Amino acid sequence: MSSSPQDLIPKLDIGTTFGALFIGVIIAAVLFGLSNVQVFIFFRTHKGTGMSFFELAVIWLWILDALHLALIIHCVYYYLVINYTNPNALMEIVWSFKLQIIVDVFIILSAHLLYGYRIWIISKGRSRTLPIIVCIIITMNSGVAIVLGWALYQCHLFSDLIIIEWTTYMALGSVTLADIVIASSMCYFLATSRTGFSSTDSLITKLMAYIINTGCLTSVCSMTAMIAVSFQRFCGPSPLL
């Protein structure tokens, strides 16, 4: 016997589910604004140099980032505005929720491929073992992304996500591994590129610090997400997640 909307209302905890999603959208919008500033500065700096591979990569990533923000805004609008008084709809996974995860996967893979290309360039004239390992890990992550996308589109209700919870750990774990390996590889090649000149070595040290900080930041975010999912599972799944 199906439950009526009135019976479902007491079971829904909007604050810890869609409320958290709404806060995430606000943070994502702020970060998108910061990325717009970075893109603007990048193209102002490279003005008049012609369209290069890295400029095309920046445009591609910006388009994906804008699409991702649009999808999560639609997701929140669908649940909190259109279906505000329809608890049954809050239990279902809207199409934009699934698609924004796929777009997020493309953003991560594109960034990893870009870093992998940079590692391949700075390893010129040296052993290609480390760049090949990085390429293998990125390829493996592509396989994980395919599995995640397939499993996600088999789910129609938020309660179904519990069944594919293992894909969340696998995806976040593979991303964390890739971030650590990429950051370590770039630091290794930079460290072995020291010339003995103080100005050049100082620049290399600053680049290594930047790479370590950004690599640690993304890894910490992935690990935090895994811990949050594990904690949610330990405390017991909510009616929606």
Protein backbone atom coordinates (compact mmCIF):
# COMPACT_ATOMS: atom_id res chain seq x y z
CA MET A 1 0.00 0.00 0.00
CA SER A 2 1.52 3.31 -1.07
CA SER A 3 1.92 6.13 1.41
CA SER A 4 0.07 9.38 0.96
CA PRO A 5 1.97 12.68 0.74
CA GLN A 6 0.75 13.53 4.22
CA ASP A 7 2.33 10.35 5.57
CA LEU A 8 5.65 11.12 3.90
CA ILE A 9 6.00 14.68 5.14
CA PRO A 10 7.07 13.78 8.73
CA LYS A 11 9.73 11.42 7.32
CA LEU A 12 11.41 14.04 5.17
CA ASP A 13 14.30 15.97 6.65
CA ILE A 14 14.68 18.79 4.16
CA GLY A 15 17.37 20.54 6.22
CA THR A 16 19.93 17.72 6.09
CA THR A 17 19.18 16.68 2.51
CA PHE A 18 17.96 19.35 0.10
CA GLY A 19 19.06 22.07 2.52
CA ALA A 20 22.62 20.79 2.23
CA LEU A 21 22.20 20.65 -1.54
CA PHE A 22 21.05 24.28 -1.56
CA ILE A 23 24.11 25.35 0.43
CA GLY A 24 26.27 23.41 -2.01
CA VAL A 25 24.75 25.32 -4.93
CA ILE A 26 25.59 28.65 -3.26
CA ILE A 27 29.20 27.58 -2.71
CA ALA A 28 29.42 26.28 -6.28
CA ALA A 29 28.13 29.63 -7.62
CA VAL A 30 30.75 31.52 -5.62
CA LEU A 31 33.54 29.24 -6.87
CA PHE A 32 32.26 29.61 -10.43
CA GLY A 33 32.54 33.36 -10.04
CA LEU A 34 36.15 32.97 -8.91
CA SER A 35 36.89 30.73 -11.88
CA ASN A 36 35.43 33.40 -14.18
CA VAL A 37 37.93 35.89 -12.78
CA GLN A 38 40.76 33.40 -13.33
CA VAL A 39 39.65 32.77 -16.93
CA PHE A 40 39.45 36.52 -17.58
CA ILE A 41 42.97 37.08 -16.19
CA PHE A 42 44.29 34.10 -18.18
CA PHE A 43 43.03 35.42 -21.51
CA ARG A 44 44.12 38.98 -20.72
CA THR A 45 47.61 37.65 -20.00
CA HIS A 46 47.72 35.61 -23.23
CA LYS A 47 46.07 38.27 -25.38
CA GLY A 48 47.40 38.39 -28.93
CA THR A 49 49.27 35.07 -28.71
CA GLY A 50 46.76 33.14 -30.83
CA MET A 51 44.59 30.19 -29.85
CA SER A 52 46.75 27.50 -28.22
CA PHE A 53 45.94 24.06 -26.86
CA PHE A 54 45.85 25.31 -23.28
CA GLU A 55 43.50 28.16 -24.17
CA LEU A 56 41.13 25.67 -25.81
CA ALA A 57 41.40 23.52 -22.68
CA VAL A 58 40.48 26.50 -20.48
CA ILE A 59 37.44 27.24 -22.67
CA TRP A 60 36.38 23.57 -22.54
CA LEU A 61 36.66 23.43 -18.75
CA TRP A 62 34.79 26.73 -18.36
CA ILE A 63 31.91 25.43 -20.50
CA LEU A 64 31.71 22.24 -18.44
CA ASP A 65 31.82 24.23 -15.20
CA ALA A 66 29.02 26.54 -16.38
CA LEU A 67 26.93 23.55 -17.48
CA HIS A 68 27.49 21.85 -14.13
CA LEU A 69 26.32 24.94 -12.24
CA ALA A 70 23.22 25.24 -14.46
CA LEU A 71 22.30 21.61 -13.83
CA ILE A 72 22.58 21.77 -10.06
CA ILE A 73 20.56 25.01 -10.03
CA HIS A 74 17.85 23.25 -12.04
CA CYS A 75 18.02 20.33 -9.62
CA VAL A 76 17.46 22.53 -6.58
CA TYR A 77 14.75 24.55 -8.34
CA TYR A 78 12.94 21.35 -9.33
CA TYR A 79 12.85 20.00 -5.78
CA LEU A 80 12.47 23.14 -3.66
CA VAL A 81 10.28 25.29 -5.94
CA ILE A 82 8.39 23.25 -8.52
CA ASN A 83 7.73 20.29 -6.20
CA TYR A 84 7.73 22.16 -2.91
CA THR A 85 4.39 20.59 -1.86
CA ASN A 86 4.92 17.25 -3.59
CA PRO A 87 6.81 14.91 -1.21
CA ASN A 88 6.55 12.01 -3.65
CA ALA A 89 8.59 13.92 -6.23
CA LEU A 90 11.27 14.57 -3.62
CA MET A 91 11.91 10.84 -3.43
CA GLU A 92 12.67 10.58 -7.16
CA ILE A 93 15.97 11.42 -8.87
CA VAL A 94 15.50 14.19 -11.44
CA TRP A 95 17.43 13.96 -14.72
CA SER A 96 19.59 17.01 -13.96
CA PHE A 97 20.87 15.36 -10.77
CA LYS A 98 22.23 12.42 -12.77
CA LEU A 99 23.58 14.54 -15.60
CA GLN A 100 25.45 16.93 -13.30
CA ILE A 101 27.41 13.99 -11.91
CA ILE A 102 28.34 12.92 -15.44
CA VAL A 103 29.46 16.47 -16.23
CA ASP A 104 31.48 16.51 -13.01
CA VAL A 105 33.19 13.31 -14.13
CA PHE A 106 34.12 14.95 -17.45
CA ILE A 107 35.56 17.94 -15.58
CA ILE A 108 37.75 15.73 -13.40
CA LEU A 109 38.94 13.56 -16.30
CA SER A 110 39.67 16.64 -18.44
CA ALA A 111 41.73 18.20 -15.65
CA HIS A 112 43.64 14.95 -15.09
CA LEU A 113 44.34 14.60 -18.82
CA LEU A 114 45.61 18.17 -18.90
CA TYR A 115 47.96 17.51 -15.99
CA GLY A 116 49.02 14.23 -17.59
CA TYR A 117 49.91 16.13 -20.77
CA ARG A 118 51.98 18.60 -18.76
CA ILE A 119 53.83 15.77 -17.03
CA TRP A 120 54.56 14.22 -20.42
CA ILE A 121 56.01 17.53 -21.64
CA ILE A 122 58.26 18.21 -18.63
CA SER A 123 59.51 14.59 -18.73
CA LYS A 124 60.97 15.11 -22.21
CA GLY A 125 64.48 13.69 -22.39
CA ARG A 126 63.95 11.59 -19.26
CA SER A 127 62.48 8.24 -18.37
CA ARG A 128 58.85 7.92 -19.48
CA THR A 129 58.02 5.39 -16.76
CA LEU A 130 56.34 7.86 -14.43
CA PRO A 131 54.27 9.60 -17.13
CA ILE A 132 53.11 6.19 -18.40
CA ILE A 133 52.01 5.25 -14.86
CA VAL A 134 50.05 8.51 -14.65
CA CYS A 135 48.39 7.77 -18.01
CA ILE A 136 47.46 4.26 -16.84
CA ILE A 137 45.86 5.63 -13.66
CA ILE A 138 43.91 8.23 -15.67
CA THR A 139 42.73 5.48 -18.04
CA MET A 140 41.63 3.36 -15.08
CA ASN A 141 39.71 6.34 -13.73
CA SER A 142 37.89 6.52 -17.07
CA GLY A 143 36.75 2.95 -16.52
CA VAL A 144 35.58 3.82 -13.02
CA ALA A 145 33.66 6.78 -14.45
CA ILE A 146 31.87 4.51 -16.94
CA VAL A 147 30.86 2.14 -14.15
CA LEU A 148 29.66 5.06 -12.01
CA GLY A 149 27.57 6.48 -14.86
CA TRP A 150 26.03 3.11 -15.67
CA ALA A 151 25.15 2.40 -12.03
CA LEU A 152 23.76 5.89 -11.52
CA TYR A 153 21.34 5.64 -14.43
CA GLN A 154 19.96 2.38 -13.02
CA CYS A 155 18.64 4.32 -10.02
CA HIS A 156 15.29 6.07 -10.07
CA LEU A 157 14.79 6.82 -6.37
CA PHE A 158 17.22 8.31 -3.87
CA SER A 159 16.86 5.17 -1.79
CA ASP A 160 18.34 3.23 -4.71
CA LEU A 161 21.64 5.08 -4.26
CA ILE A 162 22.31 2.99 -1.15
CA ILE A 163 22.63 -0.07 -3.38
CA ILE A 164 25.39 1.54 -5.49
CA GLU A 165 27.15 3.15 -2.55
CA TRP A 166 30.28 1.19 -3.41
CA THR A 167 30.64 3.18 -6.64
CA THR A 168 30.92 6.38 -4.59
CA TYR A 169 33.87 5.03 -2.60
CA MET A 170 35.48 3.66 -5.76
CA ALA A 171 35.12 6.94 -7.67
CA LEU A 172 36.32 9.18 -4.83
CA GLY A 173 39.17 6.80 -4.02
CA SER A 174 40.39 6.69 -7.62
CA VAL A 175 40.24 10.49 -7.89
CA THR A 176 42.24 10.86 -4.68
CA LEU A 177 44.86 8.40 -5.92
CA ALA A 178 45.16 10.22 -9.24
CA ASP A 179 45.54 13.62 -7.54
CA ILE A 180 48.29 12.32 -5.27
CA VAL A 181 50.20 10.59 -8.08
CA ILE A 182 49.92 13.60 -10.42
CA ALA A 183 51.06 16.07 -7.74
CA SER A 184 53.95 13.80 -6.70
CA SER A 185 55.05 13.30 -10.31
CA MET A 186 55.09 17.01 -11.10
CA CYS A 187 56.99 17.77 -7.91
CA TYR A 188 59.54 15.07 -8.74
CA PHE A 189 60.22 16.41 -12.24
CA LEU A 190 60.42 19.99 -10.95
CA ALA A 191 62.76 19.00 -8.13
CA THR A 192 65.10 17.25 -10.58
CA SER A 193 65.07 20.33 -12.82
CA ARG A 194 66.97 22.57 -10.42
CA THR A 195 69.76 24.48 -12.16
CA GLY A 196 71.73 25.78 -9.20
CA PHE A 197 70.75 29.38 -9.90
CA SER A 198 68.97 30.90 -6.92
CA SER A 199 66.30 32.72 -8.95
CA THR A 200 65.37 29.62 -10.98
CA ASP A 201 65.45 27.31 -7.96
CA SER A 202 63.27 29.74 -6.00
CA LEU A 203 60.69 29.73 -8.80
CA ILE A 204 60.73 25.93 -8.90
CA THR A 205 60.23 25.80 -5.12
CA LYS A 206 57.21 28.12 -5.40
CA LEU A 207 55.75 25.97 -8.19
CA MET A 208 56.23 22.83 -6.09
CA ALA A 209 54.49 24.47 -3.12
CA TYR A 210 51.58 25.50 -5.36
CA ILE A 211 51.26 21.99 -6.82
CA ILE A 212 51.38 20.36 -3.39
CA ASN A 213 48.77 22.75 -2.00
CA THR A 214 46.34 22.27 -4.91
CA GLY A 215 46.89 18.52 -4.95
CA CYS A 216 46.32 18.28 -1.20
CA LEU A 217 43.21 20.46 -1.47
CA THR A 218 41.51 18.22 -4.04
CA SER A 219 42.59 15.07 -2.21
CA VAL A 220 41.28 16.39 1.11
CA CYS A 221 37.95 17.26 -0.54
CA SER A 222 37.62 13.73 -1.95
CA MET A 223 38.56 12.14 1.37
CA THR A 224 36.15 14.42 3.23
CA ALA A 225 33.36 13.33 0.89
CA MET A 226 34.17 9.66 1.55
CA ILE A 227 34.19 10.22 5.30
CA ALA A 228 30.88 12.09 5.09
CA VAL A 229 29.27 9.26 3.12
CA SER A 230 30.64 6.69 5.58
CA PHE A 231 29.41 8.73 8.55
CA GLN A 232 25.96 9.07 6.98
CA ARG A 233 25.87 5.32 6.40
CA PHE A 234 26.99 4.64 9.98
CA CYS A 235 24.31 6.90 11.41
CA GLY A 236 21.70 5.31 9.20
CA PRO A 237 20.46 6.42 5.78
CA SER A 238 17.88 9.17 5.64
CA PRO A 239 14.58 8.66 3.83
CA LEU A 240 16.08 10.37 0.78
CA LEU A 241 19.78 9.46 0.72
